[in-house]
Amino acid sequence: MRTYLVVVDETPEAEVALRFAARRAAKTGGAVQILALVPPTEFVQWGGVQATIEEEARQRAEALVMGAAGTLMQESGIRPSITVKQGDPVTIVRETLYANEEVDALVLGASASGTPGPLVTYFAGTHAGSLPCPIMVIPGSLDLEAIDRLS
């Protein structure tokens, strides 16, 4: 089964990437794996405060992923697998790709304007040739009709 790995966050381009991946998975009989990233927290002098900050960030990421999964199930009927991890985004995505042979494509959304995000910059840049699967960069400027037509 073809699996599309989508990294989601609170940006509009992540929604575009998720919709594209869901439509591709539905058309190819594939699956979607959603990866939500919790950014590493800066060191806080008091451990209890840092633990609370980390837990709140994790809860926000989990809520985001659950919302994205619900939308995906409603629109395409696909039940995604969900992963929430904390740490450096590039490192987590690389580890996820190399640890999961079933991932057939990394799907990222590019910002509609301005510079691409750090994941697009890293994975579509000098490291694109060393990935274990293709990368699909979906323009954030695509509307729903364009995504549906292209997927």
N, C-alpha and C. Protein backbone atom coordinates (compact mmCIF):
# COMPACT_ATOMS: atom_id res chain seq x y z
N MET A 1 0.85 -1.18 0.00
CA MET A 1 0.00 0.00 0.00
C MET A 1 0.89 1.24 0.00
N ARG A 2 0.60 2.16 -0.89
CA ARG A 2 1.35 3.41 -0.98
C ARG A 2 0.98 4.31 0.18
N THR A 3 1.98 4.79 0.92
CA THR A 3 1.74 5.66 2.07
C THR A 3 2.37 7.02 1.83
N TYR A 4 1.57 8.05 2.06
CA TYR A 4 2.03 9.43 1.92
C TYR A 4 2.25 10.00 3.32
N LEU A 5 3.46 10.46 3.59
CA LEU A 5 3.77 11.10 4.88
C LEU A 5 3.58 12.59 4.73
N VAL A 6 2.70 13.15 5.56
CA VAL A 6 2.41 14.59 5.52
C VAL A 6 2.76 15.19 6.87
N VAL A 7 3.55 16.25 6.85
CA VAL A 7 3.89 16.98 8.06
C VAL A 7 2.89 18.11 8.20
N VAL A 8 2.16 18.13 9.32
CA VAL A 8 1.14 19.16 9.51
C VAL A 8 1.52 20.10 10.65
N ASP A 9 1.11 21.34 10.45
CA ASP A 9 1.24 22.36 11.49
C ASP A 9 0.05 23.30 11.31
N GLU A 10 0.13 24.48 11.85
CA GLU A 10 -1.02 25.39 11.81
C GLU A 10 -1.02 26.31 10.58
N THR A 11 -0.24 25.99 9.57
CA THR A 11 -0.15 26.85 8.40
C THR A 11 -1.13 26.41 7.31
N PRO A 12 -1.55 27.35 6.46
CA PRO A 12 -2.44 26.99 5.35
C PRO A 12 -1.81 26.01 4.37
N GLU A 13 -0.49 26.10 4.17
CA GLU A 13 0.16 25.20 3.22
C GLU A 13 0.15 23.75 3.71
N ALA A 14 0.11 23.55 5.01
CA ALA A 14 0.00 22.18 5.54
C ALA A 14 -1.36 21.60 5.19
N GLU A 15 -2.40 22.42 5.22
CA GLU A 15 -3.74 21.96 4.83
C GLU A 15 -3.77 21.57 3.36
N VAL A 16 -3.09 22.35 2.53
CA VAL A 16 -3.02 22.05 1.10
C VAL A 16 -2.31 20.72 0.88
N ALA A 17 -1.19 20.52 1.57
CA ALA A 17 -0.43 19.27 1.43
C ALA A 17 -1.26 18.07 1.90
N LEU A 18 -1.99 18.23 2.98
CA LEU A 18 -2.81 17.14 3.51
C LEU A 18 -3.93 16.79 2.53
N ARG A 19 -4.58 17.79 1.98
CA ARG A 19 -5.66 17.52 1.02
C ARG A 19 -5.11 16.80 -0.21
N PHE A 20 -3.96 17.26 -0.71
CA PHE A 20 -3.36 16.62 -1.87
C PHE A 20 -3.04 15.15 -1.56
N ALA A 21 -2.40 14.91 -0.42
CA ALA A 21 -2.02 13.54 -0.05
C ALA A 21 -3.25 12.66 0.12
N ALA A 22 -4.29 13.19 0.73
CA ALA A 22 -5.51 12.41 0.93
C ALA A 22 -6.16 12.04 -0.40
N ARG A 23 -6.19 12.96 -1.31
CA ARG A 23 -6.80 12.69 -2.62
C ARG A 23 -5.97 11.69 -3.40
N ARG A 24 -4.64 11.81 -3.33
CA ARG A 24 -3.77 10.84 -4.01
C ARG A 24 -3.95 9.46 -3.39
N ALA A 25 -3.99 9.39 -2.07
CA ALA A 25 -4.16 8.10 -1.40
C ALA A 25 -5.49 7.47 -1.77
N ALA A 26 -6.55 8.26 -1.82
CA ALA A 26 -7.86 7.74 -2.17
C ALA A 26 -7.86 7.20 -3.60
N LYS A 27 -7.20 7.89 -4.51
CA LYS A 27 -7.18 7.46 -5.91
C LYS A 27 -6.27 6.27 -6.15
N THR A 28 -5.25 6.08 -5.32
CA THR A 28 -4.30 4.99 -5.54
C THR A 28 -4.48 3.83 -4.57
N GLY A 29 -5.50 3.91 -3.72
CA GLY A 29 -5.70 2.86 -2.74
C GLY A 29 -4.64 2.89 -1.66
N GLY A 30 -4.12 4.07 -1.38
CA GLY A 30 -3.03 4.22 -0.43
C GLY A 30 -3.48 4.66 0.94
N ALA A 31 -2.50 5.07 1.72
CA ALA A 31 -2.74 5.51 3.10
C ALA A 31 -2.03 6.84 3.34
N VAL A 32 -2.43 7.48 4.41
CA VAL A 32 -1.81 8.75 4.80
C VAL A 32 -1.29 8.61 6.23
N GLN A 33 -0.06 9.04 6.42
CA GLN A 33 0.52 9.11 7.76
C GLN A 33 0.73 10.59 8.07
N ILE A 34 0.11 11.06 9.14
CA ILE A 34 0.24 12.45 9.55
C ILE A 34 1.30 12.53 10.64
N LEU A 35 2.24 13.45 10.46
CA LEU A 35 3.27 13.70 11.44
C LEU A 35 3.15 15.13 11.94
N ALA A 36 2.89 15.28 13.22
CA ALA A 36 2.84 16.61 13.84
C ALA A 36 4.10 16.78 14.65
N LEU A 37 4.70 17.92 14.53
CA LEU A 37 5.95 18.20 15.22
C LEU A 37 5.75 19.19 16.35
N VAL A 38 6.28 18.84 17.49
CA VAL A 38 6.28 19.74 18.63
C VAL A 38 7.69 20.31 18.69
N PRO A 39 7.83 21.62 18.49
CA PRO A 39 9.18 22.19 18.48
C PRO A 39 9.86 22.01 19.84
N PRO A 40 11.18 21.88 19.82
CA PRO A 40 11.89 21.76 21.10
C PRO A 40 11.72 23.05 21.89
N THR A 41 11.58 22.91 23.19
CA THR A 41 11.43 24.10 24.02
C THR A 41 12.79 24.58 24.46
N GLU A 42 12.88 25.87 24.64
CA GLU A 42 14.11 26.43 25.18
C GLU A 42 14.20 26.08 26.65
N PHE A 43 15.40 25.97 27.12
CA PHE A 43 15.60 25.61 28.51
C PHE A 43 15.00 26.67 29.42
N VAL A 44 14.20 26.21 30.37
CA VAL A 44 13.62 27.07 31.38
C VAL A 44 14.22 26.64 32.71
N GLN A 45 14.59 27.62 33.50
CA GLN A 45 15.31 27.34 34.73
C GLN A 45 14.53 26.42 35.67
N TRP A 46 13.22 26.56 35.72
CA TRP A 46 12.43 25.76 36.63
C TRP A 46 11.84 24.58 35.87
N GLY A 47 12.17 23.38 36.28
CA GLY A 47 11.75 22.16 35.59
C GLY A 47 10.26 22.02 35.46
N GLY A 48 9.51 22.39 36.48
CA GLY A 48 8.05 22.28 36.44
C GLY A 48 7.45 23.17 35.38
N VAL A 49 7.99 24.37 35.23
CA VAL A 49 7.49 25.31 34.22
C VAL A 49 7.80 24.75 32.83
N GLN A 50 9.01 24.23 32.65
CA GLN A 50 9.38 23.67 31.36
C GLN A 50 8.49 22.47 31.01
N ALA A 51 8.23 21.62 31.97
CA ALA A 51 7.37 20.46 31.72
C ALA A 51 5.97 20.90 31.32
N THR A 52 5.46 21.96 31.95
CA THR A 52 4.13 22.47 31.61
C THR A 52 4.12 23.05 30.19
N ILE A 53 5.15 23.78 29.84
CA ILE A 53 5.26 24.35 28.48
C ILE A 53 5.30 23.24 27.44
N GLU A 54 6.10 22.21 27.70
CA GLU A 54 6.20 21.09 26.77
C GLU A 54 4.88 20.35 26.63
N GLU A 55 4.18 20.14 27.74
CA GLU A 55 2.91 19.44 27.71
C GLU A 55 1.86 20.25 26.95
N GLU A 56 1.83 21.56 27.14
CA GLU A 56 0.88 22.40 26.41
C GLU A 56 1.16 22.38 24.92
N ALA A 57 2.42 22.40 24.53
CA ALA A 57 2.79 22.34 23.11
C ALA A 57 2.37 21.00 22.52
N ARG A 58 2.56 19.94 23.26
CA ARG A 58 2.18 18.61 22.79
C ARG A 58 0.65 18.52 22.64
N GLN A 59 -0.09 19.07 23.59
CA GLN A 59 -1.55 19.05 23.51
C GLN A 59 -2.05 19.84 22.31
N ARG A 60 -1.42 21.00 22.02
CA ARG A 60 -1.80 21.78 20.83
C ARG A 60 -1.56 20.97 19.57
N ALA A 61 -0.40 20.31 19.50
CA ALA A 61 -0.07 19.50 18.32
C ALA A 61 -1.05 18.33 18.16
N GLU A 62 -1.37 17.68 19.26
CA GLU A 62 -2.32 16.56 19.20
C GLU A 62 -3.70 17.03 18.77
N ALA A 63 -4.14 18.18 19.26
CA ALA A 63 -5.44 18.72 18.86
C ALA A 63 -5.44 19.06 17.37
N LEU A 64 -4.35 19.63 16.90
CA LEU A 64 -4.21 19.97 15.48
C LEU A 64 -4.31 18.71 14.63
N VAL A 65 -3.59 17.69 15.02
CA VAL A 65 -3.57 16.45 14.26
C VAL A 65 -4.94 15.77 14.27
N MET A 66 -5.60 15.77 15.40
CA MET A 66 -6.92 15.15 15.48
C MET A 66 -7.92 15.89 14.57
N GLY A 67 -7.81 17.22 14.54
CA GLY A 67 -8.66 17.99 13.64
C GLY A 67 -8.37 17.68 12.19
N ALA A 68 -7.09 17.59 11.85
CA ALA A 68 -6.70 17.27 10.48
C ALA A 68 -7.15 15.86 10.10
N ALA A 69 -7.01 14.93 11.03
CA ALA A 69 -7.44 13.55 10.77
C ALA A 69 -8.94 13.48 10.56
N GLY A 70 -9.69 14.23 11.35
CA GLY A 70 -11.14 14.25 11.20
C GLY A 70 -11.56 14.80 9.85
N THR A 71 -10.91 15.87 9.43
CA THR A 71 -11.19 16.45 8.11
C THR A 71 -10.86 15.46 7.01
N LEU A 72 -9.73 14.80 7.14
CA LEU A 72 -9.30 13.83 6.14
C LEU A 72 -10.30 12.68 6.03
N MET A 73 -10.74 12.17 7.18
CA MET A 73 -11.70 11.06 7.17
C MET A 73 -13.03 11.49 6.57
N GLN A 74 -13.45 12.71 6.89
CA GLN A 74 -14.72 13.21 6.39
C GLN A 74 -14.69 13.42 4.87
N GLU A 75 -13.58 13.96 4.36
CA GLU A 75 -13.51 14.29 2.94
C GLU A 75 -13.13 13.11 2.05
N SER A 76 -12.29 12.19 2.55
CA SER A 76 -11.81 11.12 1.68
C SER A 76 -12.13 9.72 2.18
N GLY A 77 -12.58 9.60 3.42
CA GLY A 77 -12.87 8.29 3.97
C GLY A 77 -11.63 7.54 4.42
N ILE A 78 -10.49 8.19 4.40
CA ILE A 78 -9.23 7.55 4.79
C ILE A 78 -8.95 7.82 6.26
N ARG A 79 -8.63 6.78 6.98
CA ARG A 79 -8.25 6.91 8.40
C ARG A 79 -6.73 6.95 8.45
N PRO A 80 -6.16 8.10 8.76
CA PRO A 80 -4.70 8.21 8.76
C PRO A 80 -4.07 7.62 10.01
N SER A 81 -2.80 7.28 9.89
CA SER A 81 -2.04 6.97 11.10
C SER A 81 -1.47 8.29 11.58
N ILE A 82 -1.35 8.44 12.88
CA ILE A 82 -0.96 9.73 13.46
C ILE A 82 0.26 9.54 14.35
N THR A 83 1.20 10.45 14.18
CA THR A 83 2.39 10.46 15.01
C THR A 83 2.64 11.88 15.48
N VAL A 84 2.93 12.05 16.75
CA VAL A 84 3.29 13.35 17.30
C VAL A 84 4.66 13.18 17.96
N LYS A 85 5.63 13.98 17.53
CA LYS A 85 6.98 13.88 18.08
C LYS A 85 7.52 15.26 18.41
N GLN A 86 8.37 15.29 19.41
CA GLN A 86 8.99 16.55 19.82
C GLN A 86 10.47 16.52 19.49
N GLY A 87 10.97 17.65 19.00
CA GLY A 87 12.38 17.77 18.69
C GLY A 87 12.61 18.59 17.45
N ASP A 88 13.81 18.49 16.92
CA ASP A 88 14.19 19.21 15.71
C ASP A 88 13.39 18.67 14.52
N PRO A 89 12.62 19.51 13.82
CA PRO A 89 11.77 19.03 12.74
C PRO A 89 12.49 18.25 11.64
N VAL A 90 13.62 18.74 11.18
CA VAL A 90 14.35 18.06 10.11
C VAL A 90 14.80 16.68 10.57
N THR A 91 15.34 16.61 11.77
CA THR A 91 15.80 15.33 12.31
C THR A 91 14.65 14.34 12.44
N ILE A 92 13.53 14.79 12.96
CA ILE A 92 12.37 13.91 13.15
C ILE A 92 11.86 13.39 11.81
N VAL A 93 11.73 14.26 10.82
CA VAL A 93 11.23 13.82 9.52
C VAL A 93 12.21 12.83 8.88
N ARG A 94 13.50 13.12 8.93
CA ARG A 94 14.50 12.18 8.37
C ARG A 94 14.41 10.83 9.07
N GLU A 95 14.36 10.83 10.39
CA GLU A 95 14.27 9.57 11.13
C GLU A 95 13.00 8.81 10.78
N THR A 96 11.90 9.53 10.63
CA THR A 96 10.63 8.90 10.28
C THR A 96 10.71 8.26 8.90
N LEU A 97 11.30 8.96 7.94
CA LEU A 97 11.42 8.43 6.59
C LEU A 97 12.27 7.17 6.56
N TYR A 98 13.40 7.20 7.25
CA TYR A 98 14.31 6.05 7.21
C TYR A 98 13.83 4.89 8.08
N ALA A 99 13.00 5.16 9.05
CA ALA A 99 12.49 4.09 9.93
C ALA A 99 11.25 3.40 9.36
N ASN A 100 10.59 4.02 8.40
CA ASN A 100 9.33 3.49 7.87
C ASN A 100 9.46 3.20 6.38
N GLU A 101 9.73 1.96 6.05
CA GLU A 101 9.88 1.58 4.65
C GLU A 101 8.58 1.74 3.86
N GLU A 102 7.45 1.74 4.57
CA GLU A 102 6.17 1.84 3.87
C GLU A 102 5.87 3.24 3.35
N VAL A 103 6.63 4.25 3.78
CA VAL A 103 6.42 5.61 3.28
C VAL A 103 6.96 5.69 1.85
N ASP A 104 6.04 6.02 0.92
CA ASP A 104 6.40 6.09 -0.49
C ASP A 104 6.62 7.51 -0.99
N ALA A 105 6.17 8.51 -0.22
CA ALA A 105 6.37 9.89 -0.63
C ALA A 105 6.22 10.80 0.58
N LEU A 106 7.07 11.81 0.63
CA LEU A 106 6.98 12.87 1.63
C LEU A 106 6.24 14.03 0.96
N VAL A 107 5.14 14.46 1.56
CA VAL A 107 4.32 15.53 0.99
C VAL A 107 4.42 16.74 1.91
N LEU A 108 4.96 17.83 1.36
CA LEU A 108 5.10 19.07 2.11
C LEU A 108 4.40 20.19 1.37
N GLY A 109 3.90 21.16 2.10
CA GLY A 109 3.29 22.34 1.50
C GLY A 109 4.29 23.49 1.50
N ALA A 110 4.33 24.22 0.40
CA ALA A 110 5.19 25.39 0.29
C ALA A 110 4.34 26.64 0.49
N SER A 111 4.89 27.62 1.14
CA SER A 111 4.20 28.87 1.40
C SER A 111 3.77 29.53 0.09
N ALA A 112 2.59 30.13 0.10
CA ALA A 112 2.07 30.79 -1.10
C ALA A 112 2.92 32.01 -1.49
N SER A 113 3.60 32.59 -0.53
CA SER A 113 4.47 33.73 -0.83
C SER A 113 5.63 33.73 0.17
N GLY A 114 6.67 34.37 -0.21
CA GLY A 114 7.84 34.43 0.66
C GLY A 114 8.70 33.18 0.52
N THR A 115 9.61 33.04 1.44
CA THR A 115 10.53 31.91 1.38
C THR A 115 9.84 30.63 1.86
N PRO A 116 10.29 29.49 1.33
CA PRO A 116 9.70 28.24 1.80
C PRO A 116 10.11 27.98 3.25
N GLY A 117 9.38 27.14 3.90
CA GLY A 117 9.70 26.81 5.28
C GLY A 117 10.96 25.98 5.38
N PRO A 118 11.41 25.71 6.59
CA PRO A 118 12.67 24.98 6.78
C PRO A 118 12.63 23.55 6.26
N LEU A 119 11.50 22.89 6.33
CA LEU A 119 11.43 21.51 5.83
C LEU A 119 11.53 21.47 4.31
N VAL A 120 10.80 22.35 3.62
CA VAL A 120 10.88 22.40 2.17
C VAL A 120 12.29 22.79 1.75
N THR A 121 12.86 23.77 2.41
CA THR A 121 14.22 24.20 2.08
C THR A 121 15.20 23.05 2.23
N TYR A 122 15.10 22.31 3.31
CA TYR A 122 16.04 21.22 3.57
C TYR A 122 15.82 20.05 2.62
N PHE A 123 14.58 19.53 2.57
CA PHE A 123 14.34 18.30 1.82
C PHE A 123 14.30 18.49 0.32
N ALA A 124 13.91 19.66 -0.16
CA ALA A 124 13.88 19.91 -1.60
C ALA A 124 15.19 20.53 -2.08
N GLY A 125 16.09 20.81 -1.16
CA GLY A 125 17.37 21.42 -1.50
C GLY A 125 18.44 20.38 -1.74
N THR A 126 19.58 20.60 -1.15
CA THR A 126 20.75 19.74 -1.40
C THR A 126 20.57 18.31 -0.92
N HIS A 127 19.60 18.05 -0.06
CA HIS A 127 19.42 16.70 0.47
C HIS A 127 18.35 15.90 -0.29
N ALA A 128 17.74 16.49 -1.31
CA ALA A 128 16.66 15.82 -2.04
C ALA A 128 17.13 14.52 -2.68
N GLY A 129 18.36 14.48 -3.14
CA GLY A 129 18.87 13.29 -3.82
C GLY A 129 19.19 12.14 -2.91
N SER A 130 19.21 12.36 -1.61
CA SER A 130 19.59 11.29 -0.68
C SER A 130 18.41 10.71 0.09
N LEU A 131 17.20 11.12 -0.26
CA LEU A 131 16.02 10.64 0.45
C LEU A 131 15.64 9.22 0.00
N PRO A 132 15.01 8.45 0.88
CA PRO A 132 14.60 7.10 0.51
C PRO A 132 13.29 7.04 -0.28
N CYS A 133 12.69 8.21 -0.54
CA CYS A 133 11.44 8.27 -1.29
C CYS A 133 11.35 9.63 -1.97
N PRO A 134 10.43 9.76 -2.93
CA PRO A 134 10.24 11.06 -3.58
C PRO A 134 9.65 12.08 -2.61
N ILE A 135 9.89 13.34 -2.91
CA ILE A 135 9.28 14.43 -2.16
C ILE A 135 8.31 15.15 -3.09
N MET A 136 7.14 15.47 -2.58
CA MET A 136 6.15 16.23 -3.32
C MET A 136 5.96 17.55 -2.60
N VAL A 137 6.27 18.64 -3.28
CA VAL A 137 6.10 19.97 -2.70
C VAL A 137 4.87 20.58 -3.36
N ILE A 138 3.86 20.82 -2.55
CA ILE A 138 2.58 21.31 -3.05
C ILE A 138 2.51 22.82 -2.81
N PRO A 139 2.33 23.60 -3.87
CA PRO A 139 2.26 25.05 -3.71
C PRO A 139 1.09 25.47 -2.82
N GLY A 140 1.35 26.31 -1.86
CA GLY A 140 0.33 26.79 -0.95
C GLY A 140 -0.70 27.69 -1.61
N SER A 141 -0.41 28.15 -2.81
CA SER A 141 -1.34 29.05 -3.50
C SER A 141 -2.45 28.31 -4.24
N LEU A 142 -2.40 26.98 -4.28
CA LEU A 142 -3.44 26.23 -4.98
C LEU A 142 -4.76 26.30 -4.24
N ASP A 143 -5.83 26.50 -4.98
CA ASP A 143 -7.16 26.46 -4.36
C ASP A 143 -7.65 25.02 -4.38
N LEU A 144 -8.80 24.78 -3.76
CA LEU A 144 -9.32 23.42 -3.64
C LEU A 144 -9.55 22.76 -4.99
N GLU A 145 -10.06 23.50 -5.94
CA GLU A 145 -10.32 22.94 -7.27
C GLU A 145 -9.02 22.52 -7.94
N ALA A 146 -7.99 23.33 -7.82
CA ALA A 146 -6.69 22.99 -8.42
C ALA A 146 -6.09 21.75 -7.76
N ILE A 147 -6.20 21.66 -6.45
CA ILE A 147 -5.68 20.48 -5.74
C ILE A 147 -6.43 19.23 -6.22
N ASP A 148 -7.73 19.33 -6.29
CA ASP A 148 -8.54 18.19 -6.72
C ASP A 148 -8.20 17.78 -8.15
N ARG A 149 -7.99 18.74 -9.01
CA ARG A 149 -7.66 18.45 -10.40
C ARG A 149 -6.28 17.80 -10.52
N LEU A 150 -5.32 18.30 -9.76
CA LEU A 150 -3.94 17.82 -9.87
C LEU A 150 -3.69 16.51 -9.12
N SER A 151 -4.51 16.22 -8.15
CA SER A 151 -4.27 15.01 -7.37
C SER A 151 -4.97 13.84 -7.99
